[in-house]
Amino acid sequence: MPSRQTTHATLLAALVALLHSSYINAATYDLMKEYSGGTFFDDWTFYNNFDNLTNGDAIFVSASEAASSQLAFVDPNTNHAIIKVDNTTNVPFNIKRNTVRITTNDSFSVGSVWTADILHVPFGCSVWPAWSVRIHTHKRTKTHIFQVVASPNMASRRVGKIFYRGSCLQLTQIFSEIDTFEGVNLMTNNQMGLHTLPGCTQTGQVQSSPLINSSDCSFMDNMNQGCITTDPNPGSFGAGFAAAGGGVFVTEFATSGISIWFFSRNNVPSALSSNASSIDTSTFGPPVGNWPSTTCSSSEFFSPQQLIFDITLCGDFAGAPSIFPQTCTGQCYQDYVVGSGANYATAFFEIASVRIFSATGTNTIISPSPAPGSGAATSALSNGASTPSGSSTTGSGSNTGAASRIAPWSIASAVALAFMACLTGLKY
């Protein structure tokens, strides 16, 4: 008779095999675009505004400011892209600190996979980094019938600028976000998830993580917590991530659903470490997080997405009274943002590459018109030898008028009104 230990081992092996076999429903994807090396920053837009999206105590600088202040550059020794928080300026009280938010000029539709090989992610008290995607929000046309500006304190904190065009489907599609990587302060585990309009839930998922924080993806549920899964790997965020040499994130945006994998450096599959020209996600095993289209249709709730790296400070997540004391002491803004910036020595991304793959036989890259406020100086960003200004002042340049800690006005009720208008067929 087999021992109880042997029986348990057999059952565990069978469960792992079942998870793997039940997920084999993916496709082969071919390389379409790569961001790496000296040209990493060539096809990104710098936000160039204060953080009016998540109420962070941050100024997202322009491309030229990022280059001159060495907040975004390619390290000539490693050929890796660096995106960081200003850690040299002495910021006075009531002023925000300079940092970076960049968005791809291209958008990527259903049928795409994007990978990010990252060696270091930002962490530290008050630090809130993210690697995510959302819809393009720069275009302004006469078809915009109804406009609202996202409230950083209310349910719509991550949405940015939303445009209602009299179509429920269009409103749903532009109100969407996929977070591949997100965490705050001194957390040890990455959180991933979706943020959508009501109607999208995480049900029937096949994933390796048992840590499901919430299953309703609606921005109207629980103050826009989203449907979040936590990675049980302590090397998926913060100091543990850096100590392990980082790793590779993979996000699959498929008709069957959305899936996210994370591989620590020692466990990166050869297809990802060898810069292969094609990948097969069915060989990766079950994802850490999975959101099937059966209860959250990729085509209904998401339109083509733009990739985003950003680092903000404090704000609605890192600075929340219920969150900040969990890993940090003192006051988020007063004790960390204000002052010399020594707290931000570890607040940087080091990125080897971002690669975009497309389902075989399709082209998922959508190139928009040039975005306003995109800035210039991309050549300077590729030169790690550019001289830091040493006197970068928070709120300099076009951000001067927005440097102080002014919270945007709340419009949660307006967003809800727009959505209810969709449901009832009203027009604005």
Protein backbone atom coordinates (compact mmCIF):
# COMPACT_ATOMS: atom_id res chain seq x y z
CA MET A 1 0.00 0.00 0.00
CA PRO A 2 1.49 3.42 -0.90
CA SER A 3 2.31 5.76 1.96
CA ARG A 4 0.18 8.80 2.70
CA GLN A 5 3.14 11.00 1.71
CA THR A 6 3.42 9.25 -1.66
CA THR A 7 -0.31 9.59 -2.24
CA HIS A 8 -0.18 13.32 -1.49
CA ALA A 9 2.76 13.76 -3.85
CA THR A 10 0.91 11.91 -6.59
CA LEU A 11 -2.19 14.04 -6.11
CA LEU A 12 -0.12 17.23 -6.19
CA ALA A 13 1.59 16.14 -9.40
CA ALA A 14 -1.78 15.31 -10.94
CA LEU A 15 -3.17 18.72 -9.93
CA VAL A 16 -0.22 20.55 -11.51
CA ALA A 17 -0.63 18.48 -14.68
CA LEU A 18 -4.36 19.26 -14.76
CA LEU A 19 -3.74 22.97 -14.40
CA HIS A 20 -1.21 22.89 -17.20
CA SER A 21 -3.34 20.82 -19.56
CA SER A 22 -6.46 22.87 -18.92
CA TYR A 23 -4.64 26.05 -19.86
CA ILE A 24 -3.23 24.78 -23.17
CA ASN A 25 -5.54 26.86 -25.28
CA ALA A 26 -3.07 29.54 -26.36
CA ALA A 27 -1.48 30.49 -29.66
CA THR A 28 1.90 31.06 -31.19
CA TYR A 29 2.90 34.71 -31.37
CA ASP A 30 5.46 36.36 -33.66
CA LEU A 31 7.70 39.28 -32.69
CA MET A 32 6.32 42.57 -34.03
CA LYS A 33 8.17 45.30 -32.13
CA GLU A 34 10.94 45.71 -29.56
CA TYR A 35 11.96 48.53 -27.23
CA SER A 36 15.55 48.08 -26.10
CA GLY A 37 19.04 49.54 -26.09
CA GLY A 38 19.86 53.03 -27.27
CA THR A 39 16.51 53.46 -29.04
CA PHE A 40 14.37 52.31 -26.11
CA PHE A 41 12.71 55.70 -25.58
CA ASP A 42 12.17 56.56 -29.26
CA ASP A 43 8.48 55.60 -29.46
CA TRP A 44 7.14 56.74 -26.08
CA THR A 45 5.29 59.85 -24.94
CA PHE A 46 6.26 61.54 -21.68
CA TYR A 47 3.19 62.62 -19.70
CA ASN A 48 4.58 66.10 -18.89
CA ASN A 49 2.05 67.05 -16.23
CA PHE A 50 1.45 66.78 -12.52
CA ASP A 51 -0.15 63.53 -11.36
CA ASN A 52 -3.79 64.34 -12.01
CA LEU A 53 -4.58 60.63 -12.37
CA THR A 54 -3.94 59.12 -8.94
CA ASN A 55 -3.47 62.18 -6.72
CA GLY A 56 0.23 61.44 -6.32
CA ASP A 57 2.68 63.96 -4.93
CA ALA A 58 4.58 63.85 -8.21
CA ILE A 59 5.33 65.83 -11.36
CA PHE A 60 5.69 63.62 -14.44
CA VAL A 61 8.37 65.51 -16.39
CA SER A 62 8.81 66.07 -20.13
CA ALA A 63 11.27 64.13 -22.27
CA SER A 64 13.77 66.99 -22.28
CA GLU A 65 13.56 67.43 -18.51
CA ALA A 66 13.89 63.69 -17.98
CA ALA A 67 17.03 63.66 -20.12
CA SER A 68 18.70 66.69 -18.54
CA SER A 69 17.88 65.52 -15.00
CA GLN A 70 18.86 61.91 -15.70
CA LEU A 71 15.41 60.62 -14.76
CA ALA A 72 15.11 58.64 -18.02
CA PHE A 73 18.15 57.46 -19.93
CA VAL A 74 19.91 54.41 -21.32
CA ASP A 75 22.86 53.30 -19.20
CA PRO A 76 25.88 53.13 -21.56
CA ASN A 77 27.47 50.37 -19.48
CA THR A 78 24.53 47.94 -19.56
CA ASN A 79 22.44 49.28 -22.47
CA HIS A 80 19.44 49.09 -20.13
CA ALA A 81 16.77 51.78 -19.85
CA ILE A 82 16.55 53.58 -16.50
CA ILE A 83 13.37 55.34 -15.32
CA LYS A 84 13.61 56.91 -11.88
CA VAL A 85 12.38 59.34 -9.27
CA ASP A 86 14.41 62.49 -8.63
CA ASN A 87 16.58 61.62 -5.62
CA THR A 88 18.85 64.69 -5.60
CA THR A 89 16.54 67.72 -5.34
CA ASN A 90 15.67 69.19 -1.95
CA VAL A 91 11.88 69.52 -2.25
CA PRO A 92 10.21 72.09 0.05
CA PHE A 93 6.87 71.53 1.74
CA ASN A 94 3.78 71.83 -0.46
CA ILE A 95 5.73 70.99 -3.64
CA LYS A 96 5.65 67.73 -5.57
CA ARG A 97 8.73 65.71 -6.57
CA ASN A 98 9.80 65.05 -10.17
CA THR A 99 9.40 61.58 -11.62
CA VAL A 100 8.49 59.89 -14.92
CA ARG A 101 5.47 58.43 -16.68
CA ILE A 102 5.81 57.19 -20.27
CA THR A 103 3.26 55.72 -22.68
CA THR A 104 3.86 53.93 -25.99
CA ASN A 105 2.87 55.83 -29.11
CA ASP A 106 1.57 52.57 -30.58
CA SER A 107 -1.49 50.70 -29.33
CA PHE A 108 -1.81 46.92 -29.24
CA SER A 109 -5.05 45.04 -29.83
CA VAL A 110 -6.49 41.68 -28.84
CA GLY A 111 -4.15 39.02 -30.20
CA SER A 112 -1.05 40.56 -28.60
CA VAL A 113 1.49 39.45 -26.02
CA TRP A 114 3.93 41.86 -24.42
CA THR A 115 6.96 40.88 -22.36
CA ALA A 116 9.08 43.04 -20.08
CA ASP A 117 12.56 41.94 -18.99
CA ILE A 118 13.19 44.01 -15.86
CA LEU A 119 16.18 43.83 -13.52
CA HIS A 120 15.04 46.33 -10.89
CA VAL A 121 11.68 47.83 -9.94
CA PRO A 122 11.07 50.95 -7.81
CA PHE A 123 10.35 50.47 -4.13
CA GLY A 124 10.55 52.38 -0.85
CA CYS A 125 8.19 54.25 1.44
CA SER A 126 5.83 56.51 -0.57
CA VAL A 127 6.81 54.85 -3.88
CA TRP A 128 4.06 53.57 -6.19
CA PRO A 129 5.32 52.02 -9.45
CA ALA A 130 3.27 50.35 -12.16
CA TRP A 131 3.75 48.52 -15.45
CA SER A 132 0.34 48.54 -17.07
CA VAL A 133 -1.71 49.19 -20.19
CA ARG A 134 -4.72 51.34 -20.91
CA ILE A 135 -6.40 52.97 -23.88
CA HIS A 136 -5.02 55.96 -25.77
CA THR A 137 -6.26 59.19 -24.16
CA HIS A 138 -4.43 61.96 -26.02
CA LYS A 139 -6.69 62.49 -29.04
CA ARG A 140 -9.26 65.27 -28.96
CA THR A 141 -11.97 65.26 -31.67
CA LYS A 142 -15.38 66.83 -32.19
CA THR A 143 -17.01 63.44 -31.65
CA HIS A 144 -16.44 63.80 -27.92
CA ILE A 145 -19.91 64.51 -26.59
CA PHE A 146 -19.30 64.08 -22.89
CA GLN A 147 -16.02 64.63 -21.05
CA VAL A 148 -15.13 63.93 -17.45
CA VAL A 149 -11.84 64.21 -15.60
CA ALA A 150 -10.97 61.34 -13.30
CA SER A 151 -11.20 61.85 -9.56
CA PRO A 152 -8.03 60.71 -7.77
CA ASN A 153 -9.87 60.18 -4.50
CA MET A 154 -12.95 58.39 -5.76
CA ALA A 155 -13.70 55.22 -7.64
CA SER A 156 -12.30 56.45 -10.94
CA ARG A 157 -8.80 57.11 -9.60
CA ARG A 158 -6.87 55.36 -12.37
CA VAL A 159 -8.90 56.20 -15.41
CA GLY A 160 -7.46 59.54 -16.51
CA LYS A 161 -9.56 61.39 -19.06
CA ILE A 162 -12.69 59.61 -20.21
CA PHE A 163 -14.78 60.52 -23.24
CA TYR A 164 -18.41 59.45 -23.66
CA ARG A 165 -19.42 59.38 -27.32
CA GLY A 166 -23.02 58.20 -26.99
CA SER A 167 -22.05 54.54 -27.32
CA CYS A 168 -22.13 52.11 -24.40
CA LEU A 169 -19.63 49.85 -26.12
CA GLN A 170 -17.21 52.70 -26.79
CA LEU A 171 -17.53 53.97 -23.23
CA THR A 172 -16.83 50.48 -21.92
CA GLN A 173 -13.82 50.00 -24.18
CA ILE A 174 -12.10 53.25 -23.22
CA PHE A 175 -12.63 52.67 -19.51
CA SER A 176 -10.15 49.83 -19.12
CA GLU A 177 -6.77 49.02 -17.61
CA ILE A 178 -4.61 45.93 -17.24
CA ASP A 179 -2.04 46.06 -14.44
CA THR A 180 0.76 43.55 -14.99
CA PHE A 181 2.90 44.91 -12.17
CA GLU A 182 1.91 47.18 -9.30
CA GLY A 183 2.83 47.61 -5.68
CA VAL A 184 3.55 50.27 -3.09
CA ASN A 185 5.96 51.19 -0.34
CA LEU A 186 7.79 48.16 1.12
CA MET A 187 5.39 45.47 -0.05
CA THR A 188 7.02 42.17 -1.00
CA ASN A 189 4.54 40.78 -3.54
CA ASN A 190 3.33 42.04 -6.89
CA GLN A 191 -0.36 42.68 -7.49
CA MET A 192 -1.93 42.27 -10.93
CA GLY A 193 -5.45 42.79 -12.18
CA LEU A 194 -8.05 44.57 -14.29
CA HIS A 195 -10.08 47.77 -13.91
CA THR A 196 -13.20 48.09 -16.08
CA LEU A 197 -16.77 49.30 -16.21
CA PRO A 198 -19.37 47.13 -14.42
CA GLY A 199 -20.03 43.68 -15.83
CA CYS A 200 -16.53 42.21 -15.85
CA THR A 201 -15.66 39.63 -13.17
CA GLN A 202 -12.92 37.08 -12.60
CA THR A 203 -14.63 33.68 -12.63
CA GLY A 204 -13.46 30.24 -13.74
CA GLN A 205 -9.84 31.30 -13.80
CA VAL A 206 -7.02 28.79 -14.31
CA GLN A 207 -4.00 30.24 -12.51
CA SER A 208 -1.19 29.27 -10.18
CA SER A 209 -1.82 31.94 -7.54
CA PRO A 210 -4.44 31.14 -4.88
CA LEU A 211 -4.34 34.74 -3.64
CA ILE A 212 -7.36 36.45 -5.19
CA ASN A 213 -7.91 39.79 -3.44
CA SER A 214 -11.13 40.62 -5.28
CA SER A 215 -13.07 39.29 -8.25
CA ASP A 216 -15.20 42.25 -9.38
CA CYS A 217 -13.27 44.33 -11.92
CA SER A 218 -15.68 47.28 -11.91
CA PHE A 219 -14.34 50.70 -10.98
CA MET A 220 -17.61 51.18 -9.08
CA ASP A 221 -16.90 48.25 -6.75
CA ASN A 222 -14.90 48.84 -3.55
CA MET A 223 -13.44 52.17 -4.66
CA ASN A 224 -11.95 50.79 -7.89
CA GLN A 225 -9.96 48.02 -6.25
CA GLY A 226 -10.38 46.00 -9.43
CA CYS A 227 -10.18 42.22 -9.73
CA ILE A 228 -6.76 41.69 -8.21
CA THR A 229 -4.53 38.66 -7.83
CA THR A 230 -1.41 38.71 -5.65
CA ASP A 231 1.68 36.82 -6.77
CA PRO A 232 2.77 34.52 -3.89
CA ASN A 233 6.39 34.83 -5.07
CA PRO A 234 8.21 37.17 -2.62
CA GLY A 235 10.66 37.92 -5.41
CA SER A 236 7.95 39.58 -7.51
CA PHE A 237 8.27 43.06 -5.97
CA GLY A 238 10.64 45.32 -4.09
CA ALA A 239 13.89 44.30 -2.46
CA GLY A 240 13.21 40.62 -3.11
CA PHE A 241 12.82 41.32 -6.82
CA ALA A 242 16.15 43.14 -6.95
CA ALA A 243 17.96 40.47 -4.91
CA ALA A 244 16.77 37.78 -7.34
CA GLY A 245 18.05 39.72 -10.35
CA GLY A 246 14.56 40.66 -11.45
CA GLY A 247 12.73 38.61 -14.03
CA VAL A 248 10.36 38.65 -16.99
CA PHE A 249 6.67 39.62 -17.01
CA VAL A 250 4.43 38.25 -19.76
CA THR A 251 0.92 39.55 -20.51
CA GLU A 252 -1.33 37.78 -23.00
CA PHE A 253 -4.21 39.84 -24.40
CA ALA A 254 -6.24 37.15 -26.20
CA THR A 255 -9.81 36.55 -27.29
CA SER A 256 -9.97 33.73 -24.72
CA GLY A 257 -9.00 36.10 -21.91
CA ILE A 258 -6.15 37.93 -20.24
CA SER A 259 -3.28 36.07 -18.57
CA ILE A 260 -0.17 37.24 -16.73
CA TRP A 261 3.00 35.28 -15.96
CA PHE A 262 6.06 36.25 -13.94
CA PHE A 263 9.33 34.33 -14.12
CA SER A 264 12.12 35.10 -11.65
CA ARG A 265 15.56 35.37 -13.26
CA ASN A 266 16.55 31.77 -12.52
CA ASN A 267 13.30 30.41 -13.99
CA VAL A 268 12.96 32.39 -17.22
CA PRO A 269 11.98 30.05 -20.10
CA SER A 270 14.52 29.78 -22.91
CA ALA A 271 12.05 31.29 -25.38
CA LEU A 272 12.10 34.49 -23.33
CA SER A 273 15.78 34.55 -22.41
CA SER A 274 17.03 33.83 -25.94
CA ASN A 275 15.23 36.74 -27.63
CA ALA A 276 13.33 34.30 -29.83
CA SER A 277 11.37 35.68 -32.78
CA SER A 278 8.25 33.77 -31.71
CA ILE A 279 6.78 32.40 -28.48
CA ASP A 280 4.14 29.84 -27.57
CA THR A 281 2.41 30.76 -24.31
CA SER A 282 1.04 27.23 -23.91
CA THR A 283 4.58 26.13 -22.99
CA PHE A 284 4.74 28.52 -20.02
CA GLY A 285 2.46 26.54 -17.72
CA PRO A 286 -0.49 28.10 -15.89
CA PRO A 287 -0.25 31.88 -15.51
CA VAL A 288 0.00 33.56 -12.13
CA GLY A 289 -3.23 35.42 -12.92
CA ASN A 290 -5.98 34.63 -15.43
CA TRP A 291 -9.17 36.49 -16.37
CA PRO A 292 -11.25 34.37 -18.81
CA SER A 293 -13.38 36.05 -21.48
CA THR A 294 -16.37 33.98 -20.40
CA THR A 295 -17.10 36.55 -17.68
CA CYS A 296 -15.00 39.46 -18.99
CA SER A 297 -14.93 39.65 -22.77
CA SER A 298 -11.62 41.00 -24.06
CA SER A 299 -13.31 42.54 -27.11
CA GLU A 300 -16.23 44.04 -25.15
CA PHE A 301 -14.34 45.53 -22.21
CA PHE A 302 -11.03 46.43 -23.86
CA SER A 303 -9.98 48.33 -26.96
CA PRO A 304 -6.35 48.55 -28.23
CA GLN A 305 -4.04 49.28 -25.34
CA GLN A 306 -0.95 51.44 -24.82
CA LEU A 307 1.87 50.30 -22.56
CA ILE A 308 2.78 52.47 -19.58
CA PHE A 309 5.64 52.70 -17.10
CA ASP A 310 5.13 55.14 -14.26
CA ILE A 311 6.33 55.92 -10.76
CA THR A 312 4.20 58.18 -8.63
CA LEU A 313 4.50 59.03 -4.94
CA CYS A 314 1.95 58.65 -2.14
CA GLY A 315 -1.41 59.20 -3.80
CA ASP A 316 -4.54 57.10 -3.47
CA PHE A 317 -2.75 53.78 -3.03
CA ALA A 318 0.72 54.27 -1.51
CA GLY A 319 -0.44 57.13 0.69
CA ALA A 320 -3.80 55.70 1.76
CA PRO A 321 -4.21 55.78 5.57
CA SER A 322 -5.11 52.09 5.56
CA ILE A 323 -2.13 51.09 3.37
CA PHE A 324 0.88 53.26 4.23
CA PRO A 325 1.27 52.17 7.90
CA GLN A 326 1.34 48.50 6.89
CA THR A 327 5.00 48.75 5.84
CA CYS A 328 6.13 52.31 6.65
CA THR A 329 6.18 54.75 9.57
CA GLY A 330 5.48 58.46 9.74
CA GLN A 331 3.56 60.50 7.16
CA CYS A 332 3.84 59.68 3.47
CA TYR A 333 4.29 63.16 2.05
CA GLN A 334 5.82 65.08 4.94
CA ASP A 335 8.39 62.44 5.93
CA TYR A 336 9.41 61.12 2.51
CA VAL A 337 8.55 63.33 -0.48
CA VAL A 338 9.67 66.52 1.23
CA GLY A 339 13.40 66.91 1.80
CA SER A 340 16.61 65.69 0.23
CA GLY A 341 15.33 62.74 -1.76
CA ALA A 342 17.64 60.22 -0.09
CA ASN A 343 14.62 57.96 0.35
CA TYR A 344 14.49 57.38 -3.42
CA ALA A 345 17.80 55.62 -4.03
CA THR A 346 15.87 52.44 -4.90
CA ALA A 347 13.00 54.15 -6.74
CA PHE A 348 13.91 53.20 -10.30
CA PHE A 349 13.14 50.77 -13.11
CA GLU A 350 16.03 49.07 -14.89
CA ILE A 351 14.63 47.56 -18.08
CA ALA A 352 16.50 45.31 -20.51
CA SER A 353 13.70 45.15 -23.06
CA VAL A 354 10.00 45.31 -23.83
CA ARG A 355 8.89 43.07 -26.70
CA ILE A 356 5.53 42.91 -28.47
CA PHE A 357 4.31 39.71 -30.11
CA SER A 358 1.30 39.21 -32.36
CA ALA A 359 -0.84 36.15 -32.98
CA THR A 360 0.39 34.43 -36.12
CA GLY A 361 -1.09 35.93 -39.27
CA THR A 362 -2.31 39.16 -37.70
CA ASN A 363 -0.92 42.64 -37.13
CA THR A 364 -1.86 44.09 -33.77
CA ILE A 365 0.09 47.36 -33.87
CA ILE A 366 -2.03 50.48 -34.29
CA SER A 367 -0.04 53.69 -34.79
CA PRO A 368 -1.92 56.85 -33.74
CA SER A 369 -1.35 60.43 -34.75
CA PRO A 370 1.42 62.18 -32.78
CA ALA A 371 0.22 62.89 -29.26
CA PRO A 372 0.20 66.46 -27.94
CA GLY A 373 2.77 67.20 -25.28
CA SER A 374 4.94 64.29 -26.35
CA GLY A 375 8.08 66.33 -26.02
CA ALA A 376 11.33 65.66 -27.82
CA ALA A 377 14.94 64.95 -26.92
CA THR A 378 14.70 61.21 -27.54
CA SER A 379 18.30 61.24 -28.76
CA ALA A 380 19.41 62.69 -25.45
CA LEU A 381 17.61 59.91 -23.63
CA SER A 382 19.68 57.32 -25.44
CA ASN A 383 22.91 58.84 -24.15
CA GLY A 384 23.60 57.91 -20.55
CA ALA A 385 26.43 60.43 -20.49
CA SER A 386 24.20 63.49 -20.62
CA THR A 387 24.90 65.86 -17.75
CA PRO A 388 22.37 66.08 -14.90
CA SER A 389 21.16 69.61 -14.30
CA GLY A 390 21.79 69.37 -10.57
CA SER A 391 19.24 72.11 -10.02
CA SER A 392 16.05 70.51 -11.24
CA THR A 393 13.19 72.26 -9.49
CA THR A 394 9.93 70.48 -8.97
CA GLY A 395 7.31 72.06 -11.17
CA SER A 396 9.82 73.54 -13.62
CA GLY A 397 9.01 74.17 -17.27
CA SER A 398 5.42 73.71 -18.34
CA ASN A 399 4.48 72.23 -14.99
CA THR A 400 5.13 75.35 -12.94
CA GLY A 401 1.49 76.16 -12.38
CA ALA A 402 0.70 72.65 -11.19
CA ALA A 403 3.60 72.07 -8.83
CA SER A 404 1.74 72.57 -5.59
CA ARG A 405 -0.25 69.76 -4.00
CA ILE A 406 -3.67 70.56 -5.50
CA ALA A 407 -6.14 67.69 -5.72
CA PRO A 408 -8.38 67.61 -8.84
CA TRP A 409 -12.12 67.92 -8.25
CA SER A 410 -14.22 64.80 -7.76
CA ILE A 411 -16.33 63.48 -10.67
CA ALA A 412 -17.25 59.98 -9.54
CA SER A 413 -20.90 60.95 -9.78
CA ALA A 414 -20.41 62.22 -13.34
CA VAL A 415 -18.80 58.95 -14.42
CA ALA A 416 -21.64 57.00 -12.83
CA LEU A 417 -24.15 59.27 -14.59
CA ALA A 418 -22.50 58.62 -17.96
CA PHE A 419 -22.61 54.89 -17.41
CA MET A 420 -26.25 54.96 -16.29
CA ALA A 421 -27.05 56.99 -19.41
CA CYS A 422 -25.62 54.15 -21.46
CA LEU A 423 -27.75 51.61 -19.68
CA THR A 424 -30.93 53.63 -20.17
CA GLY A 425 -30.19 54.77 -23.72
CA LEU A 426 -29.97 58.47 -22.86
CA LYS A 427 -27.87 60.85 -24.96
CA TYR A 428 -25.95 63.89 -23.82
